[in-house]
C-alpha atoms as a PDB file:
ATOM      1  CA  MET A   1     -44.249 -15.856 113.918  1.00  0.00           C
ATOM      2  CA  SER A   2     -44.080 -18.852 116.183  1.00  0.00           C
ATOM      3  CA  GLY A   3     -42.118 -21.278 114.008  1.00  0.00           C
ATOM      4  CA  ARG A   4     -38.914 -19.236 113.949  1.00  0.00           C
ATOM      5  CA  ARG A   5     -35.883 -20.523 115.767  1.00  0.00           C
ATOM      6  CA  ALA A   6     -32.327 -19.363 116.152  1.00  0.00           C
ATOM      7  CA  VAL A   7     -29.481 -21.637 115.094  1.00  0.00           C
ATOM      8  CA  ALA A   8     -25.734 -21.308 115.261  1.00  0.00           C
ATOM      9  CA  ALA A   9     -24.090 -20.221 112.019  1.00  0.00           C
ATOM     10  CA  PRO A  10     -20.406 -20.167 111.020  1.00  0.00           C
ATOM     11  CA  ALA A  11     -18.142 -17.790 112.940  1.00  0.00           C
ATOM     12  CA  GLY A  12     -20.383 -17.917 116.008  1.00  0.00           C
ATOM     13  CA  GLU A  13     -23.199 -15.880 114.411  1.00  0.00           C
ATOM     14  CA  THR A  14     -26.804 -16.710 115.209  1.00  0.00           C
ATOM     15  CA  ARG A  15     -29.197 -17.021 112.317  1.00  0.00           C
ATOM     16  CA  THR A  16     -32.992 -17.272 112.369  1.00  0.00           C
ATOM     17  CA  ILE A  17     -34.406 -20.282 110.538  1.00  0.00           C
ATOM     18  CA  LEU A  18     -37.893 -19.735 109.138  1.00  0.00           C
ATOM     19  CA  PRO A  19     -40.559 -22.423 108.813  1.00  0.00           C
ATOM     20  CA  ILE A  20     -41.669 -23.079 105.262  1.00  0.00           C
ATOM     21  CA  SER A  21     -44.852 -21.012 105.752  1.00  0.00           C
ATOM     22  CA  GLU A  22     -42.700 -17.869 106.141  1.00  0.00           C
ATOM     23  CA  ILE A  23     -40.270 -18.485 103.263  1.00  0.00           C
ATOM     24  CA  LEU A  24     -40.836 -15.938 100.491  1.00  0.00           C
ATOM     25  CA  SER A  25     -40.941 -18.390  97.580  1.00  0.00           C
ATOM     26  CA  TYR A  26     -43.481 -20.560  99.418  1.00  0.00           C
ATOM     27  CA  ARG A  27     -45.672 -17.556 100.258  1.00  0.00           C
ATOM     28  CA  LEU A  28     -45.576 -16.267  96.675  1.00  0.00           C
ATOM     29  CA  HIS A  29     -46.350 -19.739  95.345  1.00  0.00           C
ATOM     30  CA  SER A  30     -49.292 -20.102  97.752  1.00  0.00           C
ATOM     31  CA  VAL A  31     -50.766 -16.743  96.768  1.00  0.00           C
ATOM     32  CA  ALA A  32     -50.270 -17.455  93.057  1.00  0.00           C
ATOM     33  CA  ASN A  33     -51.922 -20.866  93.433  1.00  0.00           C
ATOM     34  CA  SER A  34     -54.931 -19.366  95.213  1.00  0.00           C
ATOM     35  CA  MET A  35     -55.284 -16.731  92.525  1.00  0.00           C
ATOM     36  CA  SER A  36     -54.975 -19.384  89.809  1.00  0.00           C
ATOM     37  CA  ARG A  37     -57.525 -21.713  91.410  1.00  0.00           C
ATOM     38  CA  SER A  38     -60.124 -18.963  91.694  1.00  0.00           C
ATOM     39  CA  ALA A  39     -59.388 -17.876  88.117  1.00  0.00           C
ATOM     40  CA  ALA A  40     -59.738 -21.467  86.895  1.00  0.00           C
ATOM     41  CA  LEU A  41     -63.173 -21.764  88.515  1.00  0.00           C
ATOM     42  CA  HIS A  42     -64.272 -18.415  87.087  1.00  0.00           C
ATOM     43  CA  TYR A  43     -63.033 -19.066  83.532  1.00  0.00           C
ATOM     44  CA  ARG A  44     -64.538 -22.564  83.498  1.00  0.00           C
ATOM     45  CA  ARG A  45     -67.917 -21.273  84.686  1.00  0.00           C
ATOM     46  CA  GLU A  46     -68.072 -18.151  82.520  1.00  0.00           C
ATOM     47  CA  PHE A  47     -66.208 -19.232  79.345  1.00  0.00           C
ATOM     48  CA  ASP A  48     -65.962 -23.052  79.513  1.00  0.00           C
ATOM     49  CA  VAL A  49     -62.152 -23.048  79.309  1.00  0.00           C
ATOM     50  CA  SER A  50     -59.536 -24.489  81.620  1.00  0.00           C
ATOM     51  CA  LEU A  51     -56.831 -22.290  83.083  1.00  0.00           C
ATOM     52  CA  GLY A  52     -54.294 -23.754  80.641  1.00  0.00           C
ATOM     53  CA  GLU A  53     -56.638 -23.090  77.718  1.00  0.00           C
ATOM     54  CA  TRP A  54     -57.156 -19.545  78.973  1.00  0.00           C
ATOM     55  CA  ARG A  55     -53.409 -18.934  79.083  1.00  0.00           C
ATOM     56  CA  THR A  56     -53.001 -20.389  75.594  1.00  0.00           C
ATOM     57  CA  ILE A  57     -55.774 -18.181  74.237  1.00  0.00           C
ATOM     58  CA  ALA A  58     -54.385 -15.135  76.056  1.00  0.00           C
ATOM     59  CA  LEU A  59     -50.859 -15.667  74.704  1.00  0.00           C
ATOM     60  CA  LEU A  60     -52.116 -16.147  71.151  1.00  0.00           C
ATOM     61  CA  GLY A  61     -54.416 -13.144  71.514  1.00  0.00           C
ATOM     62  CA  ALA A  62     -51.452 -10.989  72.514  1.00  0.00           C
ATOM     63  CA  GLU A  63     -48.636 -12.404  70.369  1.00  0.00           C
ATOM     64  CA  ALA A  64     -49.910 -14.525  67.454  1.00  0.00           C
ATOM     65  CA  PRO A  65     -48.762 -16.118  65.350  1.00  0.00           C
ATOM     66  CA  LEU A  66     -46.605 -18.401  67.497  1.00  0.00           C
ATOM     67  CA  THR A  67     -45.121 -21.827  66.926  1.00  0.00           C
ATOM     68  CA  LEU A  68     -45.969 -24.629  69.325  1.00  0.00           C
ATOM     69  CA  ASN A  69     -42.491 -24.376  70.875  1.00  0.00           C
ATOM     70  CA  GLN A  70     -42.796 -20.614  71.374  1.00  0.00           C
ATOM     71  CA  LEU A  71     -46.240 -21.009  72.899  1.00  0.00           C
ATOM     72  CA  ALA A  72     -45.104 -23.802  75.232  1.00  0.00           C
ATOM     73  CA  ARG A  73     -42.126 -21.747  76.457  1.00  0.00           C
ATOM     74  CA  ARG A  74     -44.246 -18.661  77.107  1.00  0.00           C
ATOM     75  CA  ALA A  75     -46.858 -20.728  78.965  1.00  0.00           C
ATOM     76  CA  ALA A  76     -44.169 -22.622  80.929  1.00  0.00           C
ATOM     77  CA  LEU A  77     -45.549 -25.980  79.753  1.00  0.00           C
ATOM     78  CA  ASP A  78     -43.803 -28.846  78.042  1.00  0.00           C
ATOM     79  CA  LYS A  79     -44.383 -29.259  74.330  1.00  0.00           C
ATOM     80  CA  GLY A  80     -46.535 -32.372  74.801  1.00  0.00           C
ATOM     81  CA  GLN A  81     -48.920 -30.642  77.212  1.00  0.00           C
ATOM     82  CA  MET A  82     -49.199 -27.637  74.906  1.00  0.00           C
ATOM     83  CA  SER A  83     -49.758 -29.846  71.872  1.00  0.00           C
ATOM     84  CA  ARG A  84     -52.704 -31.566  73.570  1.00  0.00           C
ATOM     85  CA  MET A  85     -54.159 -28.215  74.624  1.00  0.00           C
ATOM     86  CA  VAL A  86     -53.797 -26.748  71.132  1.00  0.00           C
ATOM     87  CA  THR A  87     -55.409 -29.846  69.597  1.00  0.00           C
ATOM     88  CA  LYS A  88     -58.460 -29.409  71.852  1.00  0.00           C
ATOM     89  CA  LEU A  89     -58.678 -25.711  70.994  1.00  0.00           C
ATOM     90  CA  VAL A  90     -58.373 -26.475  67.253  1.00  0.00           C
ATOM     91  CA  GLU A  91     -61.188 -29.039  67.573  1.00  0.00           C
ATOM     92  CA  ARG A  92     -63.333 -26.391  69.299  1.00  0.00           C
ATOM     93  CA  GLY A  93     -62.672 -23.900  66.497  1.00  0.00           C
ATOM     94  CA  VAL A  94     -60.753 -21.491  68.740  1.00  0.00           C
ATOM     95  CA  VAL A  95     -57.226 -21.948  67.333  1.00  0.00           C
ATOM     96  CA  GLN A  96     -56.077 -22.448  63.765  1.00  0.00           C
ATOM     97  CA  ARG A  97     -52.878 -23.933  62.396  1.00  0.00           C
ATOM     98  CA  ALA A  98     -51.118 -22.586  59.304  1.00  0.00           C
ATOM     99  CA  ASN A  99     -47.890 -23.600  57.577  1.00  0.00           C
ATOM    100  CA  GLY A 100     -44.995 -21.346  58.469  1.00  0.00           C
ATOM    101  CA  ALA A 101     -41.429 -21.056  57.237  1.00  0.00           C
ATOM    102  CA  GLY A 102     -39.750 -24.404  56.682  1.00  0.00           C
ATOM    103  CA  ARG A 103     -41.517 -27.140  58.586  1.00  0.00           C
ATOM    104  CA  THR A 104     -42.971 -24.885  61.276  1.00  0.00           C
ATOM    105  CA  THR A 105     -46.641 -24.538  62.027  1.00  0.00           C
ATOM    106  CA  GLN A 106     -47.944 -21.143  63.045  1.00  0.00           C
ATOM    107  CA  LEU A 107     -50.767 -20.959  65.579  1.00  0.00           C
ATOM    108  CA  ALA A 108     -53.285 -18.137  65.814  1.00  0.00           C
ATOM    109  CA  LEU A 109     -56.793 -17.540  67.081  1.00  0.00           C
ATOM    110  CA  THR A 110     -59.780 -17.990  64.795  1.00  0.00           C
ATOM    111  CA  ARG A 111     -62.515 -15.368  64.646  1.00  0.00           C
ATOM    112  CA  ARG A 112     -64.319 -17.356  67.345  1.00  0.00           C
ATOM    113  CA  GLY A 113     -61.077 -17.469  69.347  1.00  0.00           C
ATOM    114  CA  LEU A 114     -60.635 -13.709  69.069  1.00  0.00           C
ATOM    115  CA  THR A 115     -64.160 -13.169  70.394  1.00  0.00           C
ATOM    116  CA  LEU A 116     -63.456 -15.546  73.283  1.00  0.00           C
ATOM    117  CA  TYR A 117     -60.135 -13.789  73.932  1.00  0.00           C
ATOM    118  CA  GLY A 118     -61.939 -10.433  74.188  1.00  0.00           C
ATOM    119  CA  GLY A 119     -64.211 -11.748  76.937  1.00  0.00           C
ATOM    120  CA  LEU A 120     -61.417 -13.585  78.736  1.00  0.00           C
ATOM    121  CA  ILE A 121     -58.955 -10.695  78.757  1.00  0.00           C
ATOM    122  CA  ALA A 122     -61.678  -8.321  79.979  1.00  0.00           C
ATOM    123  CA  ALA A 123     -62.500 -10.749  82.820  1.00  0.00           C
ATOM    124  CA  ALA A 124     -58.793 -11.112  83.649  1.00  0.00           C
ATOM    125  CA  ASN A 125     -58.406  -7.347  83.818  1.00  0.00           C
ATOM    126  CA  GLU A 126     -61.431  -7.099  86.122  1.00  0.00           C
ATOM    127  CA  ARG A 127     -59.884  -9.748  88.404  1.00  0.00           C
ATOM    128  CA  ASN A 128     -56.558  -7.914  88.300  1.00  0.00           C
ATOM    129  CA  ASP A 129     -58.255  -4.671  89.313  1.00  0.00           C
ATOM    130  CA  ALA A 130     -60.112  -6.473  92.121  1.00  0.00           C
ATOM    131  CA  PHE A 131     -56.845  -7.814  93.547  1.00  0.00           C
ATOM    132  CA  LEU A 132     -55.156  -4.434  93.328  1.00  0.00           C
ATOM    133  CA  THR A 133     -57.953  -2.622  95.169  1.00  0.00           C
ATOM    134  CA  CYS A 134     -56.700  -3.995  98.498  1.00  0.00           C
ATOM    135  CA  LEU A 135     -53.427  -2.090  97.940  1.00  0.00           C
ATOM    136  CA  THR A 136     -52.860   1.652  98.023  1.00  0.00           C
ATOM    137  CA  PRO A 137     -51.348   3.216  94.887  1.00  0.00           C
ATOM    138  CA  GLN A 138     -48.001   3.397  96.703  1.00  0.00           C
ATOM    139  CA  GLU A 139     -48.218  -0.275  97.693  1.00  0.00           C
ATOM    140  CA  GLN A 140     -49.013  -1.156  94.078  1.00  0.00           C
ATOM    141  CA  GLU A 141     -45.859   0.645  92.921  1.00  0.00           C
ATOM    142  CA  VAL A 142     -43.764  -1.064  95.595  1.00  0.00           C
ATOM    143  CA  LEU A 143     -45.227  -4.464  94.676  1.00  0.00           C
ATOM    144  CA  ASP A 144     -44.516  -3.898  90.994  1.00  0.00           C
ATOM    145  CA  SER A 145     -40.946  -2.867  91.726  1.00  0.00           C
ATOM    146  CA  ALA A 146     -40.396  -5.767  94.130  1.00  0.00           C
ATOM    147  CA  LEU A 147     -41.780  -8.337  91.688  1.00  0.00           C
ATOM    148  CA  THR A 148     -39.554  -6.983  88.916  1.00  0.00           C
ATOM    149  CA  LYS A 149     -36.481  -7.233  91.154  1.00  0.00           C
ATOM    150  CA  LEU A 150     -37.411 -10.715  92.379  1.00  0.00           C
ATOM    151  CA  ALA A 151     -38.021 -11.957  88.823  1.00  0.00           C
ATOM    152  CA  THR A 152     -34.649 -10.619  87.685  1.00  0.00           C
ATOM    153  CA  LEU A 153     -32.849 -12.275  90.585  1.00  0.00           C
ATOM    154  CA  ALA A 154     -34.770 -15.547  90.146  1.00  0.00           C
ATOM    155  CA  ARG A 155     -33.766 -15.730  86.452  1.00  0.00           C
ATOM    156  CA  ALA A 156     -30.128 -15.034  87.375  1.00  0.00           C
ATOM    157  CA  LEU A 157     -30.147 -17.738  90.056  1.00  0.00           C
ATOM    158  CA  GLU A 158     -31.773 -20.174  87.623  1.00  0.00           C
ATOM    159  CA  ARG A 159     -29.047 -19.497  85.028  1.00  0.00           C
ATOM    160  CA  ALA A 160     -26.357 -19.964  87.694  1.00  0.00           C
ATOM    161  CA  GLU A 161     -27.852 -23.318  88.759  1.00  0.00           C
ATOM    162  CA  GLN A 162     -27.876 -24.544  85.171  1.00  0.00           C
ATOM    163  CA  ARG A 163     -24.077 -24.222  84.862  1.00  0.00           C
END
């Protein structure tokens, strides 16, 4: 770990400063991006959907019906991006819109969308299994626990920053 260096901290303590390549959030982001890029290539080749379309289909396959706002929040996209994605999927006959309570529109998969979802979720599970094979069962449990703890802390820090 060559980029580490010691710096003086308050009260005369010495603290190690890490280069960005060793910072946890950067490492997690890099791994997630690599996994997403390979998934995007696979889903485009095998199912002719983008990664964003895949996530939209997967969320609707698991939780439909959803409003556009609910879907955008779950996918971590802004409403405009999600609206454009949904419009494309409606045009392709994968997603359908229906009137909901009040002025809301409910989104769900069509029969064609459900068939596509079945293939996509099976492929995603195969990829998930492939990634997990490099870890022992104990490492998988530790990873799951660590990710849960990190997600909880990240949400708490996000809430604190919003105040």
